[in-house]
């Protein structure tokens, strides 16, 4: 299950845990949510079982965030198939 988020939210990990349950979890960070692409947040995502974290390259460029090595930086040409084809379920939070 892919979670798409475009803003920072205090209860993001709680929502992901609640909505995904035992399903595989992946996150695509766009907009201000790219601020979650840090080592600290990767630890938080690990605790709830997130397997992959994708980060929008264009959004990073405008915000200057130092990205964790665990994140996969993607451009628009990679985001579209990720959302439209590769995932069975996608939830925007």
PDB file of N, CA and C in Angstrom:
ATOM      1  N   UNK A   1       0.855  -1.165   0.000  1.00  0.00           N
ATOM      2  CA  UNK A   1       0.000   0.000   0.000  1.00  0.00           C
ATOM      3  C   UNK A   1       0.904   1.232   0.000  1.00  0.00           C
ATOM      4  N   UNK A   2       0.610   2.156  -0.899  1.00  0.00           N
ATOM      5  CA  UNK A   2       1.390   3.385  -1.001  1.00  0.00           C
ATOM      6  C   UNK A   2       0.631   4.527  -0.332  1.00  0.00           C
ATOM      7  N   UNK A   3       1.325   5.237   0.539  1.00  0.00           N
ATOM      8  CA  UNK A   3       0.774   6.429   1.167  1.00  0.00           C
ATOM      9  C   UNK A   3       1.440   7.635   0.530  1.00  0.00           C
ATOM     10  N   UNK A   4       0.630   8.553   0.039  1.00  0.00           N
ATOM     11  CA  UNK A   4       1.110   9.791  -0.555  1.00  0.00           C
ATOM     12  C   UNK A   4       0.790  10.914   0.408  1.00  0.00           C
ATOM     13  N   UNK A   5       1.799  11.660   0.797  1.00  0.00           N
ATOM     14  CA  UNK A   5       1.550  12.778   1.700  1.00  0.00           C
ATOM     15  C   UNK A   5       2.318  14.005   1.218  1.00  0.00           C
ATOM     16  N   UNK A   6       1.681  15.168   1.355  1.00  0.00           N
ATOM     17  CA  UNK A   6       2.284  16.405   0.862  1.00  0.00           C
ATOM     18  C   UNK A   6       2.483  17.463   1.943  1.00  0.00           C
ATOM     19  N   UNK A   7       2.250  17.098   3.188  1.00  0.00           N
ATOM     20  CA  UNK A   7       2.456  18.059   4.278  1.00  0.00           C
ATOM     21  C   UNK A   7       2.910  17.318   5.528  1.00  0.00           C
ATOM     22  N   UNK A   8       3.473  18.048   6.448  1.00  0.00           N
ATOM     23  CA  UNK A   8       3.868  17.446   7.716  1.00  0.00           C
ATOM     24  C   UNK A   8       2.652  17.370   8.620  1.00  0.00           C
ATOM     25  N   UNK A   9       2.531  16.256   9.321  1.00  0.00           N
ATOM     26  CA  UNK A   9       1.394  16.023  10.208  1.00  0.00           C
ATOM     27  C   UNK A   9       1.896  15.327  11.467  1.00  0.00           C
ATOM     28  N   UNK A  10       1.486  15.777  12.632  1.00  0.00           N
ATOM     29  CA  UNK A  10       1.979  15.169  13.871  1.00  0.00           C
ATOM     30  C   UNK A  10       1.652  13.677  14.000  1.00  0.00           C
ATOM     31  N   UNK A  11       0.545  13.237  13.481  1.00  0.00           N
ATOM     32  CA  UNK A  11       0.114  11.851  13.657  1.00  0.00           C
ATOM     33  C   UNK A  11       0.290  11.000  12.401  1.00  0.00           C
ATOM     34  N   UNK A  12       1.232  11.353  11.537  1.00  0.00           N
ATOM     35  CA  UNK A  12       1.414  10.630  10.283  1.00  0.00           C
ATOM     36  C   UNK A  12       1.660   9.142  10.502  1.00  0.00           C
ATOM     37  N   UNK A  13       2.573   8.783  11.380  1.00  0.00           N
ATOM     38  CA  UNK A  13       2.874   7.363  11.594  1.00  0.00           C
ATOM     39  C   UNK A  13       1.683   6.621  12.176  1.00  0.00           C
ATOM     40  N   UNK A  14       0.916   7.274  13.021  1.00  0.00           N
ATOM     41  CA  UNK A  14      -0.280   6.657  13.578  1.00  0.00           C
ATOM     42  C   UNK A  14      -1.323   6.373  12.507  1.00  0.00           C
ATOM     43  N   UNK A  15      -1.522   7.322  11.598  1.00  0.00           N
ATOM     44  CA  UNK A  15      -2.475   7.116  10.510  1.00  0.00           C
ATOM     45  C   UNK A  15      -2.037   5.975   9.600  1.00  0.00           C
ATOM     46  N   UNK A  16      -0.759   5.932   9.291  1.00  0.00           N
ATOM     47  CA  UNK A  16      -0.253   4.876   8.412  1.00  0.00           C
ATOM     48  C   UNK A  16      -0.453   3.514   9.064  1.00  0.00           C
ATOM     49  N   UNK A  17      -0.113   3.398  10.330  1.00  0.00           N
ATOM     50  CA  UNK A  17      -0.301   2.132  11.051  1.00  0.00           C
ATOM     51  C   UNK A  17      -1.759   1.715  11.068  1.00  0.00           C
ATOM     52  N   UNK A  18      -2.637   2.657  11.354  1.00  0.00           N
ATOM     53  CA  UNK A  18      -4.061   2.364  11.442  1.00  0.00           C
ATOM     54  C   UNK A  18      -4.645   1.941  10.096  1.00  0.00           C
ATOM     55  N   UNK A  19      -4.328   2.682   9.049  1.00  0.00           N
ATOM     56  CA  UNK A  19      -4.926   2.426   7.741  1.00  0.00           C
ATOM     57  C   UNK A  19      -4.349   1.198   7.036  1.00  0.00           C
ATOM     58  N   UNK A  20      -3.072   0.929   7.229  1.00  0.00           N
ATOM     59  CA  UNK A  20      -2.438  -0.182   6.512  1.00  0.00           C
ATOM     60  C   UNK A  20      -2.527  -1.497   7.266  1.00  0.00           C
ATOM     61  N   UNK A  21      -2.581  -1.428   8.582  1.00  0.00           N
ATOM     62  CA  UNK A  21      -2.614  -2.661   9.359  1.00  0.00           C
ATOM     63  C   UNK A  21      -1.391  -3.517   9.075  1.00  0.00           C
ATOM     64  N   UNK A  22      -1.620  -4.750   8.643  1.00  0.00           N
ATOM     65  CA  UNK A  22      -0.523  -5.686   8.377  1.00  0.00           C
ATOM     66  C   UNK A  22      -0.051  -5.671   6.921  1.00  0.00           C
ATOM     67  N   UNK A  23      -0.635  -4.822   6.083  1.00  0.00           N
ATOM     68  CA  UNK A  23      -0.223  -4.755   4.681  1.00  0.00           C
ATOM     69  C   UNK A  23       1.160  -4.123   4.555  1.00  0.00           C
ATOM     70  N   UNK A  24       1.817  -4.383   3.417  1.00  0.00           N
ATOM     71  CA  UNK A  24       3.090  -3.738   3.115  1.00  0.00           C
ATOM     72  C   UNK A  24       2.866  -2.229   3.037  1.00  0.00           C
ATOM     73  N   UNK A  25       3.837  -1.472   3.528  1.00  0.00           N
ATOM     74  CA  UNK A  25       3.692  -0.022   3.588  1.00  0.00           C
ATOM     75  C   UNK A  25       4.842   0.654   2.848  1.00  0.00           C
ATOM     76  N   UNK A  26       4.491   1.594   1.973  1.00  0.00           N
ATOM     77  CA  UNK A  26       5.456   2.449   1.296  1.00  0.00           C
ATOM     78  C   UNK A  26       4.920   3.871   1.354  1.00  0.00           C
ATOM     79  N   UNK A  27       5.826   4.850   1.321  1.00  0.00           N
ATOM     80  CA  UNK A  27       5.424   6.253   1.430  1.00  0.00           C
ATOM     81  C   UNK A  27       6.080   7.047   0.309  1.00  0.00           C
ATOM     82  N   UNK A  28       5.296   7.940  -0.290  1.00  0.00           N
ATOM     83  CA  UNK A  28       5.821   8.907  -1.252  1.00  0.00           C
ATOM     84  C   UNK A  28       5.662  10.289  -0.636  1.00  0.00           C
ATOM     85  N   UNK A  29       6.778  10.949  -0.408  1.00  0.00           N
ATOM     86  CA  UNK A  29       6.793  12.276   0.204  1.00  0.00           C
ATOM     87  C   UNK A  29       6.915  13.335  -0.886  1.00  0.00           C
ATOM     88  N   UNK A  30       5.945  14.248  -0.952  1.00  0.00           N
ATOM     89  CA  UNK A  30       5.975  15.361  -1.896  1.00  0.00           C
ATOM     90  C   UNK A  30       5.677  16.642  -1.121  1.00  0.00           C
ATOM     91  N   UNK A  31       5.851  17.778  -1.756  1.00  0.00           N
ATOM     92  CA  UNK A  31       5.576  19.056  -1.090  1.00  0.00           C
ATOM     93  C   UNK A  31       6.371  19.191   0.200  1.00  0.00           C
ATOM     94  N   UNK A  32       5.752  19.767   1.224  1.00  0.00           N
ATOM     95  CA  UNK A  32       6.438  19.967   2.503  1.00  0.00           C
ATOM     96  C   UNK A  32       6.728  18.659   3.238  1.00  0.00           C
ATOM     97  N   UNK A  33       6.113  17.571   2.827  1.00  0.00           N
ATOM     98  CA  UNK A  33       6.372  16.279   3.474  1.00  0.00           C
ATOM     99  C   UNK A  33       7.805  15.797   3.247  1.00  0.00           C
ATOM    100  N   UNK A  34       8.525  16.391   2.301  1.00  0.00           N
ATOM    101  CA  UNK A  34       9.916  15.981   2.101  1.00  0.00           C
ATOM    102  C   UNK A  34      10.770  16.267   3.335  1.00  0.00           C
ATOM    103  N   UNK A  35      10.276  17.102   4.235  1.00  0.00           N
ATOM    104  CA  UNK A  35      10.997  17.339   5.483  1.00  0.00           C
ATOM    105  C   UNK A  35      11.064  16.073   6.341  1.00  0.00           C
ATOM    106  N   UNK A  36      10.255  15.046   6.012  1.00  0.00           N
ATOM    107  CA  UNK A  36      10.297  13.763   6.704  1.00  0.00           C
ATOM    108  C   UNK A  36      11.386  12.844   6.172  1.00  0.00           C
ATOM    109  N   UNK A  37      12.139  13.257   5.197  1.00  0.00           N
ATOM    110  CA  UNK A  37      13.160  12.409   4.574  1.00  0.00           C
ATOM    111  C   UNK A  37      14.473  12.413   5.363  1.00  0.00           C
ATOM    112  N   UNK A  38      14.380  12.530   6.669  1.00  0.00           N
ATOM    113  CA  UNK A  38      15.556  12.603   7.535  1.00  0.00           C
ATOM    114  C   UNK A  38      15.813  11.260   8.221  1.00  0.00           C
ATOM    115  N   UNK A  39      16.999  11.096   8.752  1.00  0.00           N
ATOM    116  CA  UNK A  39      17.332   9.861   9.472  1.00  0.00           C
ATOM    117  C   UNK A  39      16.395   9.632  10.654  1.00  0.00           C
ATOM    118  N   UNK A  40      16.059  10.696  11.375  1.00  0.00           N
ATOM    119  CA  UNK A  40      15.163  10.561  12.525  1.00  0.00           C
ATOM    120  C   UNK A  40      13.824   9.961  12.106  1.00  0.00           C
ATOM    121  N   UNK A  41      13.234  10.496  11.037  1.00  0.00           N
ATOM    122  CA  UNK A  41      11.933   9.986  10.599  1.00  0.00           C
ATOM    123  C   UNK A  41      12.043   8.585  10.010  1.00  0.00           C
ATOM    124  N   UNK A  42      13.168   8.241   9.426  1.00  0.00           N
ATOM    125  CA  UNK A  42      13.333   6.877   8.905  1.00  0.00           C
ATOM    126  C   UNK A  42      13.240   5.877  10.056  1.00  0.00           C
ATOM    127  N   UNK A  43      13.779   6.242  11.215  1.00  0.00           N
ATOM    128  CA  UNK A  43      13.658   5.381  12.397  1.00  0.00           C
ATOM    129  C   UNK A  43      12.200   5.232  12.812  1.00  0.00           C
ATOM    130  N   UNK A  44      11.443   6.326  12.746  1.00  0.00           N
ATOM    131  CA  UNK A  44      10.014   6.281  13.087  1.00  0.00           C
ATOM    132  C   UNK A  44       9.247   5.404  12.093  1.00  0.00           C
ATOM    133  N   UNK A  45       9.572   5.544  10.821  1.00  0.00           N
ATOM    134  CA  UNK A  45       8.921   4.732   9.797  1.00  0.00           C
ATOM    135  C   UNK A  45       9.285   3.252   9.959  1.00  0.00           C
ATOM    136  N   UNK A  46      10.512   2.981  10.362  1.00  0.00           N
ATOM    137  CA  UNK A  46      10.923   1.589  10.600  1.00  0.00           C
ATOM    138  C   UNK A  46      10.081   0.941  11.693  1.00  0.00           C
ATOM    139  N   UNK A  47       9.771   1.696  12.739  1.00  0.00           N
ATOM    140  CA  UNK A  47       9.018   1.126  13.860  1.00  0.00           C
ATOM    141  C   UNK A  47       7.608   0.709  13.472  1.00  0.00           C
ATOM    142  N   UNK A  48       7.061   1.298  12.401  1.00  0.00           N
ATOM    143  CA  UNK A  48       5.714   0.913  11.971  1.00  0.00           C
ATOM    144  C   UNK A  48       5.748   0.001  10.738  1.00  0.00           C
ATOM    145  N   UNK A  49       6.938  -0.396  10.311  1.00  0.00           N
ATOM    146  CA  UNK A  49       7.054  -1.364   9.230  1.00  0.00           C
ATOM    147  C   UNK A  49       7.034  -0.807   7.818  1.00  0.00           C
ATOM    148  N   UNK A  50       7.391   0.445   7.643  1.00  0.00           N
ATOM    149  CA  UNK A  50       7.470   1.014   6.294  1.00  0.00           C
ATOM    150  C   UNK A  50       8.682   0.415   5.590  1.00  0.00           C
ATOM    151  N   UNK A  51       8.439  -0.127   4.405  1.00  0.00           N
ATOM    152  CA  UNK A  51       9.499  -0.799   3.668  1.00  0.00           C
ATOM    153  C   UNK A  51      10.273   0.121   2.737  1.00  0.00           C
ATOM    154  N   UNK A  52       9.588   1.080   2.135  1.00  0.00           N
ATOM    155  CA  UNK A  52      10.245   1.959   1.163  1.00  0.00           C
ATOM    156  C   UNK A  52       9.719   3.370   1.332  1.00  0.00           C
ATOM    157  N   UNK A  53      10.644   4.348   1.258  1.00  0.00           N
ATOM    158  CA  UNK A  53      10.265   5.760   1.327  1.00  0.00           C
ATOM    159  C   UNK A  53      10.787   6.432   0.058  1.00  0.00           C
ATOM    160  N   UNK A  54       9.857   6.977  -0.728  1.00  0.00           N
ATOM    161  CA  UNK A  54      10.192   7.705  -1.949  1.00  0.00           C
ATOM    162  C   UNK A  54      10.064   9.194  -1.665  1.00  0.00           C
ATOM    163  N   UNK A  55      10.964   9.983  -2.254  1.00  0.00           N
ATOM    164  CA  UNK A  55      10.965  11.423  -2.024  1.00  0.00           C
ATOM    165  C   UNK A  55      11.029  12.136  -3.368  1.00  0.00           C
ATOM    166  N   UNK A  56      10.179  13.138  -3.536  1.00  0.00           N
ATOM    167  CA  UNK A  56      10.119  13.899  -4.779  1.00  0.00           C
ATOM    168  C   UNK A  56      11.370  14.750  -4.966  1.00  0.00           C
ATOM    169  N   UNK A  57      12.084  14.500  -6.041  1.00  0.00           N
ATOM    170  CA  UNK A  57      13.296  15.258  -6.354  1.00  0.00           C
ATOM    171  C   UNK A  57      12.997  16.743  -6.573  1.00  0.00           C
ATOM    172  N   UNK A  58      11.952  17.097  -7.351  1.00  0.00           N
ATOM    173  CA  UNK A  58      11.666  18.528  -7.519  1.00  0.00           C
ATOM    174  C   UNK A  58      11.331  19.235  -6.200  1.00  0.00           C
ATOM    175  N   UNK A  59      10.634  18.563  -5.310  1.00  0.00           N
ATOM    176  CA  UNK A  59      10.285  19.173  -4.022  1.00  0.00           C
ATOM    177  C   UNK A  59      11.513  19.333  -3.135  1.00  0.00           C
ATOM    178  N   UNK A  60      12.428  18.384  -3.217  1.00  0.00           N
ATOM    179  CA  UNK A  60      13.675  18.500  -2.452  1.00  0.00           C
ATOM    180  C   UNK A  60      14.496  19.695  -2.917  1.00  0.00           C
ATOM    181  N   UNK A  61      14.532  19.885  -4.218  1.00  0.00           N
ATOM    182  CA  UNK A  61      15.353  20.956  -4.792  1.00  0.00           C
ATOM    183  C   UNK A  61      14.945  22.322  -4.265  1.00  0.00           C
ATOM    184  N   UNK A  62      13.666  22.526  -4.027  1.00  0.00           N
ATOM    185  CA  UNK A  62      13.207  23.840  -3.561  1.00  0.00           C
ATOM    186  C   UNK A  62      13.284  24.000  -2.051  1.00  0.00           C
ATOM    187  N   UNK A  63      13.499  22.897  -1.313  1.00  0.00           N
ATOM    188  CA  UNK A  63      13.488  22.974   0.152  1.00  0.00           C
ATOM    189  C   UNK A  63      14.846  22.718   0.797  1.00  0.00           C
ATOM    190  N   UNK A  64      15.788  22.191   0.074  1.00  0.00           N
ATOM    191  CA  UNK A  64      17.140  22.010   0.585  1.00  0.00           C
ATOM    192  C   UNK A  64      17.257  21.062   1.767  1.00  0.00           C
ATOM    193  N   UNK A  65      16.520  19.981   1.755  1.00  0.00           N
ATOM    194  CA  UNK A  65      16.534  19.011   2.856  1.00  0.00           C
ATOM    195  C   UNK A  65      17.676  18.018   2.658  1.00  0.00           C
ATOM    196  N   UNK A  66      18.374  17.704   3.744  1.00  0.00           N
ATOM    197  CA  UNK A  66      19.400  16.658   3.687  1.00  0.00           C
ATOM    198  C   UNK A  66      18.693  15.311   3.839  1.00  0.00           C
ATOM    199  N   UNK A  67      18.732  14.516   2.786  1.00  0.00           N
ATOM    200  CA  UNK A  67      17.950  13.284   2.695  1.00  0.00           C
ATOM    201  C   UNK A  67      18.710  12.104   3.279  1.00  0.00           C
ATOM    202  N   UNK A  68      17.990  11.273   4.003  1.00  0.00           N
ATOM    203  CA  UNK A  68      18.546  10.027   4.520  1.00  0.00           C
ATOM    204  C   UNK A  68      18.935   9.133   3.349  1.00  0.00           C
ATOM    205  N   UNK A  69      19.983   8.372   3.523  1.00  0.00           N
ATOM    206  CA  UNK A  69      20.424   7.431   2.497  1.00  0.00           C
ATOM    207  C   UNK A  69      19.427   6.311   2.268  1.00  0.00           C
ATOM    208  N   UNK A  70      18.495   6.138   3.176  1.00  0.00           N
ATOM    209  CA  UNK A  70      17.482   5.094   3.054  1.00  0.00           C
ATOM    210  C   UNK A  70      16.365   5.476   2.086  1.00  0.00           C
ATOM    211  N   UNK A  71      16.227   6.750   1.792  1.00  0.00           N
ATOM    212  CA  UNK A  71      15.170   7.220   0.898  1.00  0.00           C
ATOM    213  C   UNK A  71      15.568   7.023  -0.558  1.00  0.00           C
ATOM    214  N   UNK A  72      14.562   6.805  -1.372  1.00  0.00           N
ATOM    215  CA  UNK A  72      14.777   6.729  -2.817  1.00  0.00           C
ATOM    216  C   UNK A  72      14.216   7.999  -3.437  1.00  0.00           C
ATOM    217  N   UNK A  73      15.089   8.834  -3.975  1.00  0.00           N
ATOM    218  CA  UNK A  73      14.687  10.099  -4.592  1.00  0.00           C
ATOM    219  C   UNK A  73      14.174   9.797  -5.998  1.00  0.00           C
ATOM    220  N   UNK A  74      12.958  10.292  -6.297  1.00  0.00           N
ATOM    221  CA  UNK A  74      12.328  10.012  -7.584  1.00  0.00           C
ATOM    222  C   UNK A  74      11.884  11.303  -8.263  1.00  0.00           C
ATOM    223  N   UNK A  75      11.921  11.278  -9.588  1.00  0.00           N
ATOM    224  CA  UNK A  75      11.453  12.398 -10.391  1.00  0.00           C
ATOM    225  C   UNK A  75      10.035  12.085 -10.870  1.00  0.00           C
ATOM    226  N   UNK A  76       9.416  13.027 -11.556  1.00  0.00           N
ATOM    227  CA  UNK A  76       8.040  12.827 -12.016  1.00  0.00           C
ATOM    228  C   UNK A  76       7.877  11.583 -12.881  1.00  0.00           C
ATOM    229  N   UNK A  77       8.856  11.310 -13.739  1.00  0.00           N
ATOM    230  CA  UNK A  77       8.731  10.151 -14.623  1.00  0.00           C
ATOM    231  C   UNK A  77       8.759   8.827 -13.860  1.00  0.00           C
ATOM    232  N   UNK A  78       9.229   8.840 -12.625  1.00  0.00           N
ATOM    233  CA  UNK A  78       9.196   7.646 -11.773  1.00  0.00           C
ATOM    234  C   UNK A  78       7.967   7.639 -10.855  1.00  0.00           C
ATOM    235  N   UNK A  79       7.487   8.829 -10.492  1.00  0.00           N
ATOM    236  CA  UNK A  79       6.334   8.918  -9.592  1.00  0.00           C
ATOM    237  C   UNK A  79       5.040   8.444 -10.252  1.00  0.00           C
ATOM    238  N   UNK A  80       4.854   8.787 -11.509  1.00  0.00           N
ATOM    239  CA  UNK A  80       3.601   8.441 -12.184  1.00  0.00           C
ATOM    240  C   UNK A  80       3.381   6.930 -12.224  1.00  0.00           C
ATOM    241  N   UNK A  81       4.348   6.133 -12.699  1.00  0.00           N
ATOM    242  CA  UNK A  81       4.122   4.680 -12.677  1.00  0.00           C
ATOM    243  C   UNK A  81       3.988   4.129 -11.261  1.00  0.00           C
ATOM    244  N   UNK A  82       4.708   4.709 -10.338  1.00  0.00           N
ATOM    245  CA  UNK A  82       4.622   4.270  -8.950  1.00  0.00           C
ATOM    246  C   UNK A  82       3.187   4.403  -8.435  1.00  0.00           C
ATOM    247  N   UNK A  83       2.557   5.503  -8.719  1.00  0.00           N
ATOM    248  CA  UNK A  83       1.194   5.759  -8.256  1.00  0.00           C
ATOM    249  C   UNK A  83       0.158   5.000  -9.094  1.00  0.00           C
ATOM    250  N   UNK A  84       0.328   5.024 -10.403  1.00  0.00           N
ATOM    251  CA  UNK A  84      -0.715   4.522 -11.300  1.00  0.00           C
ATOM    252  C   UNK A  84      -0.621   3.026 -11.609  1.00  0.00           C
ATOM    253  N   UNK A  85       0.578   2.456 -11.573  1.00  0.00           N
ATOM    254  CA  UNK A  85       0.735   1.091 -12.055  1.00  0.00           C
ATOM    255  C   UNK A  85       1.310   0.113 -11.039  1.00  0.00           C
ATOM    256  N   UNK A  86       2.268   0.543 -10.271  1.00  0.00           N
ATOM    257  CA  UNK A  86       3.011  -0.386  -9.426  1.00  0.00           C
ATOM    258  C   UNK A  86       2.315  -0.728  -8.121  1.00  0.00           C
ATOM    259  N   UNK A  87       1.407   0.100  -7.681  1.00  0.00           N
ATOM    260  CA  UNK A  87       0.749  -0.105  -6.399  1.00  0.00           C
ATOM    261  C   UNK A  87      -0.699  -0.536  -6.587  1.00  0.00           C
ATOM    262  N   UNK A  88      -1.108  -1.513  -5.823  1.00  0.00           N
ATOM    263  CA  UNK A  88      -2.497  -1.955  -5.869  1.00  0.00           C
ATOM    264  C   UNK A  88      -3.413  -0.947  -5.174  1.00  0.00           C
ATOM    265  N   UNK A  89      -2.929  -0.376  -4.070  1.00  0.00           N
ATOM    266  CA  UNK A  89      -3.718   0.601  -3.306  1.00  0.00           C
ATOM    267  C   UNK A  89      -2.857   1.828  -3.028  1.00  0.00           C
ATOM    268  N   UNK A  90      -3.498   3.010  -3.083  1.00  0.00           N
ATOM    269  CA  UNK A  90      -2.809   4.244  -2.772  1.00  0.00           C
ATOM    270  C   UNK A  90      -3.757   5.107  -1.950  1.00  0.00           C
ATOM    271  N   UNK A  91      -3.239   5.651  -0.856  1.00  0.00           N
ATOM    272  CA  UNK A  91      -4.020   6.519   0.025  1.00  0.00           C
ATOM    273  C   UNK A  91      -3.265   7.828   0.198  1.00  0.00           C
ATOM    274  N   UNK A  92      -3.965   8.928   0.022  1.00  0.00           N
ATOM    275  CA  UNK A  92      -3.361  10.226   0.266  1.00  0.00           C
ATOM    276  C   UNK A  92      -3.747  10.689   1.666  1.00  0.00           C
ATOM    277  N   UNK A  93      -2.730  11.007   2.470  1.00  0.00           N
ATOM    278  CA  UNK A  93      -3.004  11.533   3.804  1.00  0.00           C
ATOM    279  C   UNK A  93      -2.203  12.789   4.036  1.00  0.00           C
TER     280      UNK A  93
END
